[in-house]
Amino acid sequence: MDHLWTPWRYAYVSGAAKVSGCIFCDLPKEGDDARVRIVSRAKYCYIILNTYPYTNGHVMIVPFEHVDELHKLETPAAQEMTALAQRMEAVLRQLYSPDGINLGMNIGKAAGAGVAGHIHMHVLPRWVADANFVSVVGETRILPESLDMTYQRIRGALEAAPTC
């Protein structure tokens, strides 16, 4: 039997990753974007790597404004979120050559939001048959690229790409 070692997921699956306050409000205040994996900042939103990604390249677009429902988000921030999603789609297609892209928001705990109090949009590359027996039966994902490498690739591509 093969064993897959994914120690970075332990904090998530064990519940040890729970923090007080709002992680999406706190992370931009840290002052070290590389350490907290914020790959880009715009006026109303920022793009951050998902620490517990479904696939390599999985990012989230997060408004700086703390709101728990999309209709509460100011229109300029919502428009910027969409523009950043378009930009990330182009970057992910360039870097990972996926067969498709998932865009999604889980608004509220019942909808599956891990951070229910602060809306955010997931953007992630997908490939045909990327949900294989390991992820379906073993409830495990295999990611060949480290988060540090993903950060470097996406940040570099965003810096080189024209803005929307």
C-alpha atoms as a PDB file:
ATOM      1  CA  MET A   1       0.000   0.000   0.000  1.00  0.00           C
ATOM      2  CA  ASP A   2       1.241   3.478  -0.874  1.00  0.00           C
ATOM      3  CA  HIS A   3       1.069   6.245   1.696  1.00  0.00           C
ATOM      4  CA  LEU A   4       0.664   9.872   0.743  1.00  0.00           C
ATOM      5  CA  TRP A   5       2.159  12.406   3.129  1.00  0.00           C
ATOM      6  CA  THR A   6       0.245  15.714   3.277  1.00  0.00           C
ATOM      7  CA  PRO A   7       1.245  17.327   6.589  1.00  0.00           C
ATOM      8  CA  TRP A   8       0.128  20.824   5.524  1.00  0.00           C
ATOM      9  CA  ARG A   9      -3.509  19.613   5.555  1.00  0.00           C
ATOM     10  CA  TYR A  10      -3.386  18.388   9.163  1.00  0.00           C
ATOM     11  CA  ALA A  11      -4.227  21.796  10.639  1.00  0.00           C
ATOM     12  CA  TYR A  12      -7.307  21.934   8.414  1.00  0.00           C
ATOM     13  CA  VAL A  13      -8.678  18.422   8.922  1.00  0.00           C
ATOM     14  CA  SER A  14      -7.970  18.414  12.666  1.00  0.00           C
ATOM     15  CA  GLY A  15      -9.632  21.762  13.262  1.00  0.00           C
ATOM     16  CA  ALA A  16      -6.380  23.242  14.562  1.00  0.00           C
ATOM     17  CA  ALA A  17      -6.492  25.876  11.808  1.00  0.00           C
ATOM     18  CA  LYS A  18      -9.393  27.701  13.474  1.00  0.00           C
ATOM     19  CA  VAL A  19      -8.508  31.268  14.369  1.00  0.00           C
ATOM     20  CA  SER A  20     -10.284  33.984  16.283  1.00  0.00           C
ATOM     21  CA  GLY A  21     -11.352  37.078  14.415  1.00  0.00           C
ATOM     22  CA  CYS A  22     -11.528  37.142  10.633  1.00  0.00           C
ATOM     23  CA  ILE A  23      -8.599  35.604   8.770  1.00  0.00           C
ATOM     24  CA  PHE A  24      -9.481  37.486   5.565  1.00  0.00           C
ATOM     25  CA  CYS A  25      -9.410  40.818   7.420  1.00  0.00           C
ATOM     26  CA  ASP A  26      -6.252  39.953   9.372  1.00  0.00           C
ATOM     27  CA  LEU A  27      -3.998  38.546   6.612  1.00  0.00           C
ATOM     28  CA  PRO A  28      -3.658  41.775   4.578  1.00  0.00           C
ATOM     29  CA  LYS A  29      -2.510  43.561   7.754  1.00  0.00           C
ATOM     30  CA  GLU A  30       0.388  41.132   8.323  1.00  0.00           C
ATOM     31  CA  GLY A  31       2.774  43.184   6.172  1.00  0.00           C
ATOM     32  CA  ASP A  32       4.462  40.193   4.504  1.00  0.00           C
ATOM     33  CA  ASP A  33       2.456  39.215   1.426  1.00  0.00           C
ATOM     34  CA  ALA A  34       4.792  36.367   0.494  1.00  0.00           C
ATOM     35  CA  ARG A  35       4.483  34.764   3.933  1.00  0.00           C
ATOM     36  CA  VAL A  36       0.671  34.938   3.942  1.00  0.00           C
ATOM     37  CA  ARG A  37       0.564  34.140   0.197  1.00  0.00           C
ATOM     38  CA  ILE A  38      -1.217  37.250  -1.057  1.00  0.00           C
ATOM     39  CA  VAL A  39      -0.181  37.234  -4.712  1.00  0.00           C
ATOM     40  CA  SER A  40      -1.756  40.552  -5.697  1.00  0.00           C
ATOM     41  CA  ARG A  41      -3.545  43.544  -4.196  1.00  0.00           C
ATOM     42  CA  ALA A  42      -5.988  45.809  -5.987  1.00  0.00           C
ATOM     43  CA  LYS A  43      -8.031  48.748  -4.697  1.00  0.00           C
ATOM     44  CA  TYR A  44     -10.986  46.800  -3.248  1.00  0.00           C
ATOM     45  CA  CYS A  45      -9.863  43.153  -3.309  1.00  0.00           C
ATOM     46  CA  TYR A  46      -6.807  40.967  -3.064  1.00  0.00           C
ATOM     47  CA  ILE A  47      -5.844  37.578  -4.502  1.00  0.00           C
ATOM     48  CA  ILE A  48      -4.491  34.934  -2.144  1.00  0.00           C
ATOM     49  CA  LEU A  49      -3.490  31.289  -2.518  1.00  0.00           C
ATOM     50  CA  ASN A  50      -5.814  28.821  -0.868  1.00  0.00           C
ATOM     51  CA  THR A  51      -3.727  27.229   1.889  1.00  0.00           C
ATOM     52  CA  TYR A  52      -5.742  23.991   1.475  1.00  0.00           C
ATOM     53  CA  PRO A  53      -6.076  23.870  -2.342  1.00  0.00           C
ATOM     54  CA  TYR A  54      -8.198  21.485  -4.389  1.00  0.00           C
ATOM     55  CA  THR A  55      -5.706  21.796  -7.263  1.00  0.00           C
ATOM     56  CA  ASN A  56      -2.428  23.589  -7.886  1.00  0.00           C
ATOM     57  CA  GLY A  57      -3.191  27.184  -8.787  1.00  0.00           C
ATOM     58  CA  HIS A  58      -6.253  27.425  -6.483  1.00  0.00           C
ATOM     59  CA  VAL A  59      -6.631  31.066  -5.468  1.00  0.00           C
ATOM     60  CA  MET A  60      -9.287  33.147  -3.770  1.00  0.00           C
ATOM     61  CA  ILE A  61     -10.330  36.704  -4.560  1.00  0.00           C
ATOM     62  CA  VAL A  62     -11.216  38.439  -1.319  1.00  0.00           C
ATOM     63  CA  PRO A  63     -12.676  41.904  -0.808  1.00  0.00           C
ATOM     64  CA  PHE A  64     -10.978  44.017   1.840  1.00  0.00           C
ATOM     65  CA  GLU A  65     -14.483  44.933   3.041  1.00  0.00           C
ATOM     66  CA  HIS A  66     -15.830  42.500   5.648  1.00  0.00           C
ATOM     67  CA  VAL A  67     -19.256  41.417   4.360  1.00  0.00           C
ATOM     68  CA  ASP A  68     -20.983  38.061   4.623  1.00  0.00           C
ATOM     69  CA  GLU A  69     -23.290  38.274   1.584  1.00  0.00           C
ATOM     70  CA  LEU A  70     -22.593  39.257  -2.004  1.00  0.00           C
ATOM     71  CA  HIS A  71     -25.453  41.752  -2.229  1.00  0.00           C
ATOM     72  CA  LYS A  72     -23.854  43.706   0.637  1.00  0.00           C
ATOM     73  CA  LEU A  73     -20.603  44.214  -1.285  1.00  0.00           C
ATOM     74  CA  GLU A  74     -20.223  47.702  -2.740  1.00  0.00           C
ATOM     75  CA  THR A  75     -20.604  47.738  -6.531  1.00  0.00           C
ATOM     76  CA  PRO A  76     -17.024  48.879  -7.303  1.00  0.00           C
ATOM     77  CA  ALA A  77     -15.638  46.009  -5.201  1.00  0.00           C
ATOM     78  CA  ALA A  78     -17.945  43.486  -6.895  1.00  0.00           C
ATOM     79  CA  GLN A  79     -16.889  44.781 -10.319  1.00  0.00           C
ATOM     80  CA  GLU A  80     -13.217  44.562  -9.353  1.00  0.00           C
ATOM     81  CA  MET A  81     -13.743  41.005  -8.086  1.00  0.00           C
ATOM     82  CA  THR A  82     -15.096  40.028 -11.503  1.00  0.00           C
ATOM     83  CA  ALA A  83     -12.233  41.772 -13.316  1.00  0.00           C
ATOM     84  CA  LEU A  84      -9.712  39.965 -11.099  1.00  0.00           C
ATOM     85  CA  ALA A  85     -11.461  36.649 -11.821  1.00  0.00           C
ATOM     86  CA  GLN A  86     -11.066  37.334 -15.542  1.00  0.00           C
ATOM     87  CA  ARG A  87      -7.401  38.143 -15.031  1.00  0.00           C
ATOM     88  CA  MET A  88      -6.831  35.012 -12.942  1.00  0.00           C
ATOM     89  CA  GLU A  89      -8.563  32.862 -15.556  1.00  0.00           C
ATOM     90  CA  ALA A  90      -6.066  34.105 -18.149  1.00  0.00           C
ATOM     91  CA  VAL A  91      -3.087  33.606 -15.796  1.00  0.00           C
ATOM     92  CA  LEU A  92      -4.148  30.087 -14.796  1.00  0.00           C
ATOM     93  CA  ARG A  93      -4.703  29.099 -18.434  1.00  0.00           C
ATOM     94  CA  GLN A  94      -1.216  30.424 -19.279  1.00  0.00           C
ATOM     95  CA  LEU A  95       0.552  28.738 -16.344  1.00  0.00           C
ATOM     96  CA  TYR A  96      -1.285  25.413 -16.009  1.00  0.00           C
ATOM     97  CA  SER A  97      -3.019  24.731 -19.361  1.00  0.00           C
ATOM     98  CA  PRO A  98      -6.165  23.418 -17.661  1.00  0.00           C
ATOM     99  CA  ASP A  99      -9.141  21.900 -19.456  1.00  0.00           C
ATOM    100  CA  GLY A 100     -11.454  24.228 -17.524  1.00  0.00           C
ATOM    101  CA  ILE A 101     -11.705  26.738 -14.686  1.00  0.00           C
ATOM    102  CA  ASN A 102     -13.981  26.676 -11.636  1.00  0.00           C
ATOM    103  CA  LEU A 103     -15.241  29.970 -10.242  1.00  0.00           C
ATOM    104  CA  GLY A 104     -17.265  29.725  -7.073  1.00  0.00           C
ATOM    105  CA  MET A 105     -18.572  31.335  -3.935  1.00  0.00           C
ATOM    106  CA  ASN A 106     -19.974  29.470  -0.944  1.00  0.00           C
ATOM    107  CA  ILE A 107     -22.037  32.067   0.877  1.00  0.00           C
ATOM    108  CA  GLY A 108     -22.950  30.933   4.377  1.00  0.00           C
ATOM    109  CA  LYS A 109     -22.040  27.879   6.429  1.00  0.00           C
ATOM    110  CA  ALA A 110     -24.889  25.786   4.974  1.00  0.00           C
ATOM    111  CA  ALA A 111     -23.507  26.476   1.489  1.00  0.00           C
ATOM    112  CA  GLY A 112     -20.095  25.124   2.483  1.00  0.00           C
ATOM    113  CA  ALA A 113     -18.247  28.327   3.347  1.00  0.00           C
ATOM    114  CA  GLY A 114     -15.183  27.610   5.463  1.00  0.00           C
ATOM    115  CA  VAL A 115     -15.058  31.304   6.383  1.00  0.00           C
ATOM    116  CA  ALA A 116     -18.755  32.140   6.426  1.00  0.00           C
ATOM    117  CA  GLY A 117     -18.464  35.708   7.680  1.00  0.00           C
ATOM    118  CA  HIS A 118     -16.347  37.108   4.826  1.00  0.00           C
ATOM    119  CA  ILE A 119     -17.264  36.428   1.207  1.00  0.00           C
ATOM    120  CA  HIS A 120     -14.595  35.333  -1.230  1.00  0.00           C
ATOM    121  CA  MET A 121     -14.458  33.800  -4.706  1.00  0.00           C
ATOM    122  CA  HIS A 122     -12.535  30.623  -5.466  1.00  0.00           C
ATOM    123  CA  VAL A 123     -10.757  30.398  -8.838  1.00  0.00           C
ATOM    124  CA  LEU A 124      -9.079  27.114  -9.701  1.00  0.00           C
ATOM    125  CA  PRO A 125      -7.861  25.236 -12.747  1.00  0.00           C
ATOM    126  CA  ARG A 126      -9.428  21.852 -13.545  1.00  0.00           C
ATOM    127  CA  TRP A 127      -8.465  18.977 -15.805  1.00  0.00           C
ATOM    128  CA  VAL A 128     -10.520  16.203 -17.333  1.00  0.00           C
ATOM    129  CA  ALA A 129     -10.536  13.276 -14.875  1.00  0.00           C
ATOM    130  CA  ASP A 130      -8.745  15.232 -12.117  1.00  0.00           C
ATOM    131  CA  ALA A 131     -11.164  13.637  -9.630  1.00  0.00           C
ATOM    132  CA  ASN A 132      -9.655  10.149  -9.660  1.00  0.00           C
ATOM    133  CA  PHE A 133     -10.028   7.252  -7.253  1.00  0.00           C
ATOM    134  CA  VAL A 134      -7.666   8.835  -4.739  1.00  0.00           C
ATOM    135  CA  SER A 135      -9.812  11.956  -4.318  1.00  0.00           C
ATOM    136  CA  VAL A 136     -13.150  10.151  -4.586  1.00  0.00           C
ATOM    137  CA  VAL A 137     -12.512   6.997  -2.535  1.00  0.00           C
ATOM    138  CA  GLY A 138      -9.532   8.045  -0.427  1.00  0.00           C
ATOM    139  CA  GLU A 139     -10.713  11.631   0.125  1.00  0.00           C
ATOM    140  CA  THR A 140      -7.152  12.734  -0.621  1.00  0.00           C
ATOM    141  CA  ARG A 141      -5.795  15.132  -3.223  1.00  0.00           C
ATOM    142  CA  ILE A 142      -2.358  14.865  -4.761  1.00  0.00           C
ATOM    143  CA  LEU A 143      -0.742  18.191  -5.584  1.00  0.00           C
ATOM    144  CA  PRO A 144       2.593  17.981  -7.379  1.00  0.00           C
ATOM    145  CA  GLU A 145       3.533  21.623  -6.806  1.00  0.00           C
ATOM    146  CA  SER A 146       4.364  23.232  -3.448  1.00  0.00           C
ATOM    147  CA  LEU A 147       2.456  26.320  -2.330  1.00  0.00           C
ATOM    148  CA  ASP A 148       5.699  28.314  -2.457  1.00  0.00           C
ATOM    149  CA  MET A 149       6.200  27.379  -6.118  1.00  0.00           C
ATOM    150  CA  THR A 150       2.540  28.148  -6.908  1.00  0.00           C
ATOM    151  CA  TYR A 151       2.944  31.541  -5.226  1.00  0.00           C
ATOM    152  CA  GLN A 152       6.069  32.376  -7.240  1.00  0.00           C
ATOM    153  CA  ARG A 153       4.497  31.320 -10.555  1.00  0.00           C
ATOM    154  CA  ILE A 154       1.198  33.166 -10.073  1.00  0.00           C
ATOM    155  CA  ARG A 155       2.757  36.307  -8.597  1.00  0.00           C
ATOM    156  CA  GLY A 156       5.259  36.480 -11.458  1.00  0.00           C
ATOM    157  CA  ALA A 157       2.552  36.017 -14.078  1.00  0.00           C
ATOM    158  CA  LEU A 158       0.344  38.683 -12.476  1.00  0.00           C
ATOM    159  CA  GLU A 159       3.221  41.142 -12.364  1.00  0.00           C
ATOM    160  CA  ALA A 160       4.008  40.491 -16.024  1.00  0.00           C
ATOM    161  CA  ALA A 161       0.404  40.489 -17.269  1.00  0.00           C
ATOM    162  CA  PRO A 162      -1.443  43.668 -18.138  1.00  0.00           C
ATOM    163  CA  THR A 163      -4.302  44.590 -15.809  1.00  0.00           C
ATOM    164  CA  CYS A 164      -7.910  44.210 -16.967  1.00  0.00           C
END
